[in-house]
C-alpha cells in the first residue's frame, strides 16, 4: 500500500464466480479491471497476507474469513472464484484471475461453533488494485 494508506483496515470481503466475471488483466501491472455482480461474505474478521521470498518467486497468499451468517449460501466453496478485499481507505484488492482462480475451503470448529473460509496457495503476482 502507499505511504498514506498504511493504517487502512479490511472492512469487507466479497466474491465473484469466475463464470460470471469479466476480467481485464495484464501481467506486470499492479491493477486489474473486473466487472460482475459481487456477492458479499458476511464476516466477523478477515486475515490476509501475501509474501514473496525472492524476486522471481510466486507470492504465498493466505486468507482467513470468519463467517458470521451460518445460514448463508456456501456454494462458493471449492469452486473457482475471485475475491475482492475492500479497505477503509476505499481501495479494493483482487485475488485471483481466470488463470489462477481462488478455491476456498470451509473449516468448522469450536464451541460455540465457528466457520472459517480458508485459502492458502501461491499466485504469480501480488493482489492487484481494482480499477472500475
Protein backbone atom coordinates (compact mmCIF):
# COMPACT_ATOMS: atom_id res chain seq x y z
CA UNK A 1 0.00 0.00 0.00
CA UNK A 2 1.00 3.57 -0.45
CA UNK A 3 2.57 5.51 2.43
CA UNK A 4 -0.69 7.34 3.27
CA UNK A 5 -2.62 4.03 3.32
CA UNK A 6 -0.57 2.15 5.92
CA UNK A 7 -3.31 2.35 8.55
CA UNK A 8 -6.24 1.23 6.42
CA UNK A 9 -8.04 -1.91 7.52
CA UNK A 10 -10.07 -4.56 5.74
CA UNK A 11 -13.73 -3.60 6.03
CA UNK A 12 -15.44 -6.20 3.80
CA UNK A 13 -14.86 -9.17 1.52
CA UNK A 14 -16.86 -10.33 -1.47
CA UNK A 15 -16.54 -12.94 -4.19
CA UNK A 16 -17.39 -13.39 -7.84
CA UNK A 17 -17.62 -16.76 -9.60
CA UNK A 18 -15.15 -16.91 -12.47
CA UNK A 19 -18.02 -17.96 -14.75
CA UNK A 20 -19.80 -14.64 -14.05
CA UNK A 21 -16.75 -12.38 -14.20
CA UNK A 22 -15.34 -10.18 -16.91
CA UNK A 23 -11.65 -9.72 -16.17
CA UNK A 24 -9.20 -7.44 -17.96
CA UNK A 25 -5.75 -8.29 -16.57
CA UNK A 26 -2.27 -7.59 -17.87
CA UNK A 27 0.65 -9.34 -16.13
CA UNK A 28 3.14 -6.92 -14.60
CA UNK A 29 0.62 -4.15 -13.93
CA UNK A 30 -0.42 -3.51 -10.33
CA UNK A 31 -4.11 -3.04 -11.20
CA UNK A 32 -6.91 -5.09 -12.73
CA UNK A 33 -10.37 -4.40 -14.18
CA UNK A 34 -13.14 -6.75 -13.05
CA UNK A 35 -16.86 -6.47 -13.59
CA UNK A 36 -19.74 -8.61 -12.43
CA UNK A 37 -22.18 -8.91 -9.55
CA UNK A 38 -20.06 -9.18 -6.40
CA UNK A 39 -21.56 -11.21 -3.55
CA UNK A 40 -20.73 -10.03 -0.03
CA UNK A 41 -19.43 -12.52 2.54
CA UNK A 42 -20.77 -11.57 5.98
CA UNK A 43 -17.88 -11.92 8.38
CA UNK A 44 -16.63 -11.05 11.84
CA UNK A 45 -12.95 -11.00 10.95
CA UNK A 46 -10.60 -11.24 7.99
CA UNK A 47 -6.89 -12.02 7.90
CA UNK A 48 -4.96 -11.56 4.66
CA UNK A 49 -1.26 -11.85 3.98
CA UNK A 50 0.99 -12.28 0.98
CA UNK A 51 4.71 -12.86 0.96
CA UNK A 52 7.35 -13.21 -1.74
CA UNK A 53 10.63 -14.78 -0.61
CA UNK A 54 12.67 -13.93 -3.73
CA UNK A 55 12.09 -11.51 -6.59
CA UNK A 56 11.37 -14.28 -9.12
CA UNK A 57 9.20 -16.41 -6.81
CA UNK A 58 5.44 -16.67 -6.69
CA UNK A 59 3.59 -14.93 -3.86
CA UNK A 60 2.44 -17.12 -0.99
CA UNK A 61 -1.07 -15.98 -0.11
CA UNK A 62 -3.15 -16.69 2.99
CA UNK A 63 -6.75 -15.61 3.51
CA UNK A 64 -8.96 -16.44 6.51
CA UNK A 65 -12.53 -15.19 6.76
CA UNK A 66 -14.61 -15.99 9.85
CA UNK A 67 -18.25 -16.25 8.76
CA UNK A 68 -20.97 -14.62 10.86
CA UNK A 69 -24.05 -15.76 8.93
CA UNK A 70 -24.17 -19.53 9.36
CA UNK A 71 -27.29 -19.82 7.21
CA UNK A 72 -25.69 -18.14 4.21
CA UNK A 73 -25.16 -19.86 0.90
CA UNK A 74 -21.78 -21.58 0.72
CA UNK A 75 -21.97 -22.66 -2.91
CA UNK A 76 -18.69 -20.81 -3.47
CA UNK A 77 -16.70 -23.43 -1.52
CA UNK A 78 -14.20 -25.36 -3.69
CA UNK A 79 -15.28 -23.66 -6.93
CA UNK A 80 -13.22 -21.17 -8.99
CA UNK A 81 -13.83 -17.61 -7.77
CA UNK A 82 -12.07 -14.31 -7.41
CA UNK A 83 -12.01 -12.40 -4.13
CA UNK A 84 -12.43 -8.67 -3.58
CA UNK A 85 -10.94 -7.27 -0.38
CA UNK A 86 -12.24 -3.79 0.45
CA UNK A 87 -10.25 -1.44 2.69
CA UNK A 88 -11.28 1.54 4.83
CA UNK A 89 -9.37 3.89 2.50
CA UNK A 90 -11.83 2.96 -0.31
CA UNK A 91 -9.23 0.84 -2.10
CA UNK A 92 -10.09 -2.70 -3.21
CA UNK A 93 -7.67 -5.51 -3.99
CA UNK A 94 -8.39 -8.55 -6.12
CA UNK A 95 -7.15 -12.09 -5.51
CA UNK A 96 -7.31 -14.47 -8.45
CA UNK A 97 -7.79 -14.31 -12.22
CA UNK A 98 -9.12 -16.60 -14.96
CA UNK A 99 -5.80 -18.47 -15.00
CA UNK A 100 -5.25 -18.54 -11.24
CA UNK A 101 -8.65 -18.63 -9.51
CA UNK A 102 -9.12 -18.90 -5.77
CA UNK A 103 -10.60 -22.05 -4.22
CA UNK A 104 -11.88 -21.53 -0.68
CA UNK A 105 -12.20 -24.33 1.84
CA UNK A 106 -14.50 -24.33 4.88
CA UNK A 107 -13.38 -25.26 8.40
CA UNK A 108 -15.90 -25.77 11.20
CA UNK A 109 -14.56 -25.72 14.75
CA UNK A 110 -15.03 -24.71 18.36
CA UNK A 111 -17.81 -24.45 20.87
CA UNK A 112 -19.71 -22.30 20.12
CA UNK A 113 -19.24 -23.33 16.53
CA UNK A 114 -17.39 -21.06 14.12
CA UNK A 115 -16.95 -21.37 10.38
CA UNK A 116 -13.80 -20.14 8.70
CA UNK A 117 -13.18 -19.80 4.98
CA UNK A 118 -9.56 -20.50 4.13
CA UNK A 119 -7.26 -20.08 1.18
CA UNK A 120 -3.57 -20.94 1.22
CA UNK A 121 -1.74 -21.02 -2.05
CA UNK A 122 0.55 -19.31 -4.49
CA UNK A 123 -0.20 -16.63 -7.03
CA UNK A 124 2.12 -15.37 -9.78
CA UNK A 125 1.53 -11.74 -8.77
CA UNK A 126 0.56 -9.79 -5.67
CA UNK A 127 -3.10 -8.92 -5.15
CA UNK A 128 -3.98 -6.21 -7.64
CA UNK A 129 -5.75 -2.91 -7.10
CA UNK A 130 -9.26 -2.90 -8.58
CA UNK A 131 -9.90 -0.20 -11.15
CA UNK A 132 -13.51 0.26 -12.13
